[in-house]
Amino acid sequence: MSRTKIIALTAIAPIIWGSTYIVTTEALPAESPLMASTIRALPAGLLLVLLSRAKLAQSWWFKMTALGFLNIGLFFYCLFFAATYLPGGMAALVGSLQPIFVMLLSWFLLRNHLSFTQLIASCLGMLGIGLLLSHNTIALDPLGVLIGAIGTLSMSIGVVLTKKWGRPHGMTMLGFTGWQLFVGGMFLLPVTLLIEGVPSELSMTNIAGYGYLSIMGAMVCYYLWFQGIEKLPPVIVSFLGFLSSVSACILGYWFLDQTLNSIQLFGALTIMFAIVLAAYQPKEQNTFFKLPILTRG
């Protein structure tokens, strides 16, 4: 499979994740981020584990616990908390820090190079996100910003560790995805029952919203996402996450009658350029503007 095709398939995940904000606010019960996180992860994970018949070796118990907590459990809660208490685009702006986190963690844990190309691409990506939010006038919740930042850091660590550890020998990507969703869901379940409890009633809209997030947002997207992490440098995968904010703004324009002016469109184009710049940067010996590569120790 060509690099471009892998990038395109991986990009489907953040594009679909961009719909999380609109589904959370329009289809799910109000102020229930833990329940949304649990229902998104646990049923999907259990089903994938059963379908793949993937057994987890004892040597992988700690690693899978860490990955499930970072990539799913903690990240899902922070994601839905931010989506509940922040404007969708603002939650995406906090998430735009992920490429920088991943670059630093890749340098420290994977001994990867830090290139000026990727640094410039990160700045362009954040600029693009800022332009997308140029019309935002809604007051921000400081706690929402903090929780969103914690979620971004959690996902960044999870991405790098997923690349560092790979997946268990002989386990399919379907099983690897299922185990992470299942473990993350098991972290969330007791906390959800203790803090939020079980909803007293659910409408058909709520059920459809939960089903969409579990099937599309978890099963399909995380399969593509983990496959991308396995085949691509983690920094490139993290840049693809910028597409989530572009998707959120376009969906808001289509379904919620939100504005989308020329400045925002320029922001979207800036983000796309940043992704291409990061994904297809020159080889190390021909770095951007021929600036030197920074290496660790």
Protein backbone atom coordinates (compact mmCIF):
# COMPACT_ATOMS: atom_id res chain seq x y z
CA MET A 1 0.00 0.00 0.00
CA SER A 2 1.41 3.37 -1.00
CA ARG A 3 2.21 6.07 1.57
CA THR A 4 -0.42 8.38 0.07
CA LYS A 5 -3.13 5.73 0.37
CA ILE A 6 -2.18 5.02 4.00
CA ILE A 7 -2.34 8.74 4.79
CA ALA A 8 -5.73 9.02 3.06
CA LEU A 9 -7.17 6.07 4.99
CA THR A 10 -5.81 7.37 8.30
CA ALA A 11 -7.26 10.81 7.56
CA ILE A 12 -10.77 9.33 7.51
CA ALA A 13 -10.59 8.92 11.29
CA PRO A 14 -10.12 12.59 12.29
CA ILE A 15 -12.62 13.67 9.62
CA ILE A 16 -15.27 11.48 11.24
CA TRP A 17 -14.13 12.53 14.72
CA GLY A 18 -14.94 16.09 13.72
CA SER A 19 -18.59 15.08 13.94
CA THR A 20 -18.17 14.23 17.63
CA TYR A 21 -18.83 17.83 18.62
CA ILE A 22 -22.10 18.13 16.72
CA VAL A 23 -23.32 14.69 17.82
CA THR A 24 -22.48 15.45 21.45
CA THR A 25 -24.35 18.73 21.52
CA GLU A 26 -27.28 17.78 19.28
CA ALA A 27 -27.95 14.07 19.88
CA LEU A 28 -26.71 13.08 23.34
CA PRO A 29 -28.13 13.80 26.81
CA ALA A 30 -26.82 17.08 28.23
CA GLU A 31 -23.78 17.14 30.51
CA SER A 32 -23.02 13.42 30.44
CA PRO A 33 -19.44 13.16 29.10
CA LEU A 34 -18.60 10.03 31.10
CA MET A 35 -21.61 8.09 29.84
CA ALA A 36 -20.86 9.14 26.26
CA SER A 37 -17.24 8.04 26.67
CA THR A 38 -18.16 4.67 28.17
CA ILE A 39 -20.84 3.78 25.65
CA ARG A 40 -18.56 4.80 22.81
CA ALA A 41 -15.70 2.58 23.95
CA LEU A 42 -16.87 -0.45 25.91
CA PRO A 43 -19.46 -2.11 23.61
CA ALA A 44 -17.28 -1.50 20.55
CA GLY A 45 -14.21 -2.93 22.26
CA LEU A 46 -16.00 -6.01 23.56
CA LEU A 47 -17.50 -6.74 20.14
CA LEU A 48 -14.16 -6.40 18.34
CA VAL A 49 -12.37 -8.62 20.87
CA LEU A 50 -15.03 -11.31 20.46
CA LEU A 51 -15.04 -11.08 16.67
CA SER A 52 -11.26 -11.22 16.41
CA ARG A 53 -10.89 -13.86 19.15
CA ALA A 54 -7.74 -12.05 20.19
CA LYS A 55 -6.14 -13.35 23.39
CA LEU A 56 -3.92 -11.03 25.39
CA ALA A 57 -0.63 -12.51 26.56
CA GLN A 58 0.38 -11.82 30.16
CA SER A 59 3.49 -9.97 28.96
CA TRP A 60 1.18 -7.40 27.38
CA TRP A 61 -1.14 -6.74 30.32
CA PHE A 62 0.70 -3.63 31.52
CA LYS A 63 1.22 -2.21 28.03
CA MET A 64 -2.40 -2.72 27.01
CA THR A 65 -3.60 -1.20 30.28
CA ALA A 66 -1.46 1.87 29.65
CA LEU A 67 -2.53 2.20 26.01
CA GLY A 68 -6.20 1.66 26.82
CA PHE A 69 -6.07 4.31 29.54
CA LEU A 70 -4.14 6.91 27.50
CA ASN A 71 -5.65 6.42 24.03
CA ILE A 72 -9.20 5.65 25.14
CA GLY A 73 -10.12 5.99 28.82
CA LEU A 74 -8.62 9.33 29.81
CA PHE A 75 -8.71 10.77 26.30
CA PHE A 76 -12.39 9.94 25.73
CA TYR A 77 -13.44 11.56 28.98
CA CYS A 78 -11.43 14.71 28.26
CA LEU A 79 -12.74 14.82 24.69
CA PHE A 80 -16.39 14.66 25.69
CA PHE A 81 -15.88 17.02 28.61
CA ALA A 82 -14.32 19.58 26.27
CA ALA A 83 -17.03 19.00 23.66
CA THR A 84 -19.69 19.59 26.33
CA TYR A 85 -18.24 22.71 27.95
CA LEU A 86 -16.38 24.36 25.06
CA PRO A 87 -17.40 25.46 21.56
CA GLY A 88 -16.49 22.66 19.15
CA GLY A 89 -13.86 24.70 17.35
CA MET A 90 -12.26 25.85 20.60
CA ALA A 91 -11.95 22.26 21.78
CA ALA A 92 -10.19 21.55 18.48
CA LEU A 93 -7.83 24.50 19.05
CA VAL A 94 -6.69 22.97 22.33
CA GLY A 95 -6.21 19.70 20.48
CA SER A 96 -4.00 21.41 17.90
CA LEU A 97 -1.13 21.24 20.40
CA GLN A 98 -0.90 17.50 19.76
CA PRO A 99 1.71 17.59 16.95
CA ILE A 100 4.09 19.56 19.17
CA PHE A 101 3.58 17.14 22.06
CA VAL A 102 4.11 14.17 19.73
CA MET A 103 7.27 15.68 18.22
CA LEU A 104 8.82 16.20 21.66
CA LEU A 105 7.77 12.77 22.92
CA SER A 106 9.03 11.10 19.72
CA TRP A 107 12.38 12.82 20.20
CA PHE A 108 12.57 11.65 23.81
CA LEU A 109 11.09 8.13 23.58
CA LEU A 110 11.77 7.08 19.97
CA ARG A 111 15.05 8.98 19.41
CA ASN A 112 13.46 10.60 16.37
CA HIS A 113 14.74 13.76 14.74
CA LEU A 114 13.13 17.13 15.36
CA SER A 115 12.97 18.99 12.07
CA PHE A 116 12.29 22.63 11.44
CA THR A 117 9.91 21.54 8.71
CA GLN A 118 7.62 19.92 11.25
CA LEU A 119 7.97 22.87 13.63
CA ILE A 120 6.91 25.27 10.89
CA ALA A 121 4.08 22.94 9.90
CA SER A 122 2.90 22.90 13.54
CA CYS A 123 2.85 26.69 13.67
CA LEU A 124 0.95 26.84 10.38
CA GLY A 125 -1.54 24.28 11.65
CA MET A 126 -2.23 26.24 14.82
CA LEU A 127 -2.51 29.42 12.77
CA GLY A 128 -5.05 27.71 10.56
CA ILE A 129 -7.06 26.59 13.59
CA GLY A 130 -6.97 30.14 14.93
CA LEU A 131 -8.31 31.47 11.62
CA LEU A 132 -11.09 28.90 11.71
CA LEU A 133 -12.08 30.29 15.12
CA SER A 134 -11.72 33.94 14.19
CA HIS A 135 -15.47 34.49 14.51
CA ASN A 136 -15.81 32.83 17.91
CA THR A 137 -17.31 35.11 20.57
CA ILE A 138 -18.45 32.52 23.11
CA ALA A 139 -16.95 32.82 26.61
CA LEU A 140 -14.53 30.01 27.42
CA ASP A 141 -14.73 27.69 30.39
CA PRO A 142 -11.20 27.55 31.95
CA LEU A 143 -11.86 24.05 33.31
CA GLY A 144 -12.90 22.91 29.84
CA VAL A 145 -9.65 24.26 28.40
CA LEU A 146 -7.59 22.49 31.10
CA ILE A 147 -9.37 19.14 30.63
CA GLY A 148 -9.02 19.47 26.88
CA ALA A 149 -5.26 20.04 27.23
CA ILE A 150 -4.94 16.98 29.48
CA GLY A 151 -6.76 14.93 26.87
CA THR A 152 -4.44 16.17 24.13
CA LEU A 153 -1.38 15.22 26.17
CA SER A 154 -2.89 11.81 26.97
CA MET A 155 -3.52 11.08 23.30
CA SER A 156 -0.02 12.28 22.38
CA ILE A 157 1.64 9.93 24.86
CA GLY A 158 -0.61 7.11 23.67
CA VAL A 159 0.30 7.68 20.01
CA VAL A 160 4.04 7.58 20.72
CA LEU A 161 3.83 4.53 23.00
CA THR A 162 1.68 2.73 20.43
CA LYS A 163 4.45 3.31 17.90
CA LYS A 164 7.17 2.33 20.37
CA TRP A 165 5.53 -0.93 21.53
CA GLY A 166 3.79 -1.96 18.31
CA ARG A 167 1.13 -4.62 18.78
CA PRO A 168 1.31 -8.11 20.28
CA HIS A 169 2.83 -10.78 18.08
CA GLY A 170 0.15 -12.58 16.09
CA MET A 171 -2.67 -10.21 17.07
CA THR A 172 -4.63 -8.65 14.24
CA MET A 173 -5.23 -4.91 14.06
CA LEU A 174 -8.91 -5.63 14.72
CA GLY A 175 -8.03 -7.35 18.00
CA PHE A 176 -5.50 -4.66 18.93
CA THR A 177 -8.12 -1.98 18.41
CA GLY A 178 -10.74 -3.96 20.32
CA TRP A 179 -8.54 -4.55 23.35
CA GLN A 180 -7.68 -0.87 23.70
CA LEU A 181 -11.32 0.15 23.44
CA PHE A 182 -12.34 -2.56 25.91
CA VAL A 183 -9.66 -1.68 28.47
CA GLY A 184 -10.40 2.02 28.14
CA GLY A 185 -14.11 1.36 28.54
CA MET A 186 -13.50 -0.70 31.67
CA PHE A 187 -11.60 2.24 33.18
CA LEU A 188 -14.53 4.51 32.44
CA LEU A 189 -17.38 2.23 33.54
CA PRO A 190 -17.05 2.42 37.37
CA VAL A 191 -16.30 6.14 37.29
CA THR A 192 -19.35 6.72 35.10
CA LEU A 193 -21.67 4.74 37.37
CA LEU A 194 -20.30 6.49 40.46
CA ILE A 195 -20.45 10.07 39.15
CA GLU A 196 -23.20 10.16 36.54
CA GLY A 197 -25.14 6.95 37.03
CA VAL A 198 -27.44 5.42 34.43
CA PRO A 199 -29.63 7.81 32.42
CA SER A 200 -33.25 7.74 33.55
CA GLU A 201 -34.44 7.69 29.96
CA LEU A 202 -32.99 7.72 26.47
CA SER A 203 -34.69 8.99 23.33
CA MET A 204 -34.28 7.37 19.93
CA THR A 205 -32.06 10.31 19.02
CA ASN A 206 -29.82 9.57 22.01
CA ILE A 207 -29.60 5.88 21.09
CA ALA A 208 -28.77 6.71 17.48
CA GLY A 209 -26.10 9.18 18.63
CA TYR A 210 -24.47 6.63 20.91
CA GLY A 211 -24.62 4.01 18.16
CA TYR A 212 -22.95 6.31 15.66
CA LEU A 213 -20.13 7.20 18.04
CA SER A 214 -19.54 3.56 18.97
CA ILE A 215 -19.59 2.12 15.46
CA MET A 216 -18.11 4.92 13.37
CA GLY A 217 -16.25 6.96 15.98
CA ALA A 218 -14.71 3.97 17.76
CA MET A 219 -14.68 0.74 15.73
CA VAL A 220 -14.01 2.16 12.29
CA CYS A 221 -11.96 5.21 13.21
CA TYR A 222 -9.64 3.61 15.73
CA TYR A 223 -8.93 0.69 13.43
CA LEU A 224 -7.80 3.17 10.76
CA TRP A 225 -5.99 5.34 13.32
CA PHE A 226 -3.93 2.52 14.87
CA GLN A 227 -3.18 1.15 11.42
CA GLY A 228 -1.85 4.59 10.47
CA ILE A 229 0.31 4.78 13.60
CA GLU A 230 1.79 1.39 12.74
CA LYS A 231 2.67 2.32 9.16
CA LEU A 232 3.47 6.05 9.43
CA PRO A 233 5.73 8.21 11.61
CA PRO A 234 3.69 9.28 14.66
CA VAL A 235 4.26 12.97 13.95
CA ILE A 236 2.54 12.67 10.58
CA VAL A 237 -0.40 10.89 12.19
CA SER A 238 -0.71 13.66 14.77
CA PHE A 239 -0.82 16.29 12.01
CA LEU A 240 -3.76 14.48 10.44
CA GLY A 241 -5.63 15.22 13.66
CA PHE A 242 -5.94 18.82 12.44
CA LEU A 243 -8.58 17.58 10.01
CA SER A 244 -10.93 17.08 12.93
CA SER A 245 -11.29 20.83 13.45
CA VAL A 246 -11.81 21.44 9.73
CA SER A 247 -14.49 18.76 9.69
CA ALA A 248 -16.16 20.22 12.79
CA CYS A 249 -16.39 23.68 11.21
CA ILE A 250 -17.73 22.39 7.89
CA LEU A 251 -20.34 20.22 9.61
CA GLY A 252 -21.34 23.16 11.78
CA TYR A 253 -21.81 25.22 8.62
CA TRP A 254 -23.90 22.53 6.94
CA PHE A 255 -26.07 21.38 9.83
CA LEU A 256 -26.09 24.17 12.43
CA ASP A 257 -26.21 27.23 10.16
CA GLN A 258 -22.87 28.45 11.48
CA THR A 259 -20.93 30.98 9.43
CA LEU A 260 -17.97 30.05 7.25
CA ASN A 261 -16.29 33.16 5.89
CA SER A 262 -13.27 33.71 3.66
CA ILE A 263 -10.89 33.95 6.62
CA GLN A 264 -12.05 30.56 7.89
CA LEU A 265 -11.68 29.05 4.43
CA PHE A 266 -8.13 30.41 4.29
CA GLY A 267 -7.55 28.82 7.69
CA ALA A 268 -8.73 25.46 6.36
CA LEU A 269 -6.36 25.77 3.39
CA THR A 270 -3.52 26.66 5.77
CA ILE A 271 -4.21 23.51 7.76
CA MET A 272 -4.19 21.38 4.62
CA PHE A 273 -0.86 22.92 3.58
CA ALA A 274 0.58 22.20 7.06
CA ILE A 275 -0.46 18.54 6.78
CA VAL A 276 1.10 18.17 3.33
CA LEU A 277 4.26 19.93 4.50
CA ALA A 278 4.62 17.57 7.46
CA ALA A 279 3.69 14.43 5.54
CA TYR A 280 5.90 14.98 2.52
CA GLN A 281 8.84 16.86 3.99
CA PRO A 282 12.17 16.54 2.19
CA LYS A 283 14.65 13.91 3.25
CA GLU A 284 16.81 14.67 6.29
CA GLN A 285 19.77 15.72 4.19
CA ASN A 286 17.58 18.28 2.37
CA THR A 287 15.64 19.80 5.22
CA PHE A 288 13.30 22.76 4.91
CA PHE A 289 15.30 25.90 4.09
CA LYS A 290 18.39 23.66 4.62
CA LEU A 291 18.27 24.20 8.36
CA PRO A 292 19.97 21.57 10.54
CA ILE A 293 18.13 18.72 12.21
CA LEU A 294 18.06 18.70 15.99
CA THR A 295 18.91 15.35 17.53
CA ARG A 296 18.77 14.17 21.10
CA GLY A 297 21.96 13.48 22.97
